[in-house]
Amino acid sequence: MPLSVVASAGLPTDRMAATIAPAASLELARRGKSGEWSASELGMDPDQVLRLKQTQGLAELFADQEFSEAHGDADPWEHPDSNAV
């Protein structure tokens, strides 16, 4: 009896792991684990872990900040004293 084996590179479990690993690496970083350790334990590239930490760190850095609204009518290129002679 013939037997066929189908190999799939994109199994749902692989996609779930690709979603969970970045979140896990950020949580491990918050708990003091190094990026190299997290990368090796989660099967990620160390550069990928570093980029995640950088982008998440920026978001956390500014999370509690209030920002003023941009001036809608002001020309950003016009110097305040440009009308003075």
Protein backbone atom coordinates (compact mmCIF):
# COMPACT_ATOMS: atom_id res chain seq x y z
CA MET A 1 0.00 0.00 0.00
CA PRO A 2 1.51 3.38 -0.99
CA LEU A 3 2.06 5.90 1.73
CA SER A 4 2.27 9.65 1.15
CA VAL A 5 3.96 12.00 3.55
CA VAL A 6 3.18 15.68 3.29
CA ALA A 7 5.54 18.11 4.94
CA SER A 8 4.21 21.55 5.75
CA ALA A 9 6.52 24.40 6.65
CA GLY A 10 3.74 26.60 7.98
CA LEU A 11 1.97 24.51 10.57
CA PRO A 12 -0.37 26.44 12.89
CA THR A 13 1.84 25.58 15.88
CA ASP A 14 4.80 27.28 14.16
CA ARG A 15 2.71 30.41 13.63
CA MET A 16 1.53 30.37 17.24
CA ALA A 17 5.13 30.08 18.43
CA ALA A 18 6.11 32.99 16.19
CA THR A 19 3.42 35.07 17.89
CA ILE A 20 4.15 33.96 21.44
CA ALA A 21 7.96 34.15 21.33
CA PRO A 22 8.21 37.96 20.97
CA ALA A 23 5.84 38.53 23.88
CA ALA A 24 7.72 35.98 25.96
CA SER A 25 11.08 37.60 25.17
CA LEU A 26 9.80 40.98 26.37
CA GLU A 27 8.48 39.47 29.58
CA LEU A 28 11.80 37.70 30.17
CA ALA A 29 13.62 41.00 29.62
CA ARG A 30 11.41 42.65 32.24
CA ARG A 31 12.38 39.86 34.63
CA GLY A 32 16.09 40.51 34.05
CA LYS A 33 17.00 37.78 31.58
CA SER A 34 19.56 38.69 28.94
CA GLY A 35 18.66 38.99 25.29
CA GLU A 36 21.08 36.23 24.38
CA TRP A 37 19.53 33.86 26.91
CA SER A 38 15.99 34.69 25.76
CA ALA A 39 16.95 34.24 22.11
CA SER A 40 18.49 30.83 22.71
CA GLU A 41 15.62 29.60 24.89
CA LEU A 42 12.90 30.83 22.51
CA GLY A 43 14.65 29.96 19.24
CA MET A 44 14.88 33.58 18.14
CA ASP A 45 17.67 35.60 16.58
CA PRO A 46 19.46 37.83 19.16
CA ASP A 47 19.03 40.83 16.84
CA GLN A 48 15.29 40.18 16.73
CA VAL A 49 15.13 40.21 20.54
CA LEU A 50 17.14 43.46 20.63
CA ARG A 51 14.79 45.17 18.14
CA LEU A 52 11.75 44.08 20.14
CA LYS A 53 13.26 45.43 23.34
CA GLN A 54 14.11 48.73 21.67
CA THR A 55 10.66 49.33 20.19
CA GLN A 56 8.84 48.21 23.34
CA GLY A 57 11.18 50.27 25.49
CA LEU A 58 10.33 53.41 23.54
CA ALA A 59 6.62 52.74 23.89
CA GLU A 60 6.97 52.20 27.64
CA LEU A 61 9.18 55.27 28.01
CA PHE A 62 6.49 57.57 26.62
CA ALA A 63 3.41 55.68 27.86
CA ASP A 64 2.57 58.11 30.69
CA GLN A 65 3.46 61.31 28.84
CA GLU A 66 0.95 63.87 27.69
CA PHE A 67 1.61 65.59 24.40
CA SER A 68 0.28 68.92 23.24
CA GLU A 69 -1.67 69.26 20.03
CA ALA A 70 0.17 70.46 16.97
CA HIS A 71 -0.56 74.01 15.89
CA GLY A 72 -2.91 73.51 12.95
CA ASP A 73 -2.50 76.88 11.23
CA ALA A 74 1.15 77.53 11.96
CA ASP A 75 3.72 77.07 9.20
CA PRO A 76 6.45 74.87 10.70
CA TRP A 77 9.05 76.46 8.41
CA GLU A 78 8.21 80.05 9.24
CA HIS A 79 10.47 81.67 11.82
CA PRO A 80 8.52 83.58 14.50
CA ASP A 81 10.42 86.80 13.70
CA SER A 82 10.19 86.51 9.91
CA ASN A 83 7.67 89.42 9.65
CA ALA A 84 9.94 91.76 11.58
CA VAL A 85 11.98 94.19 9.53
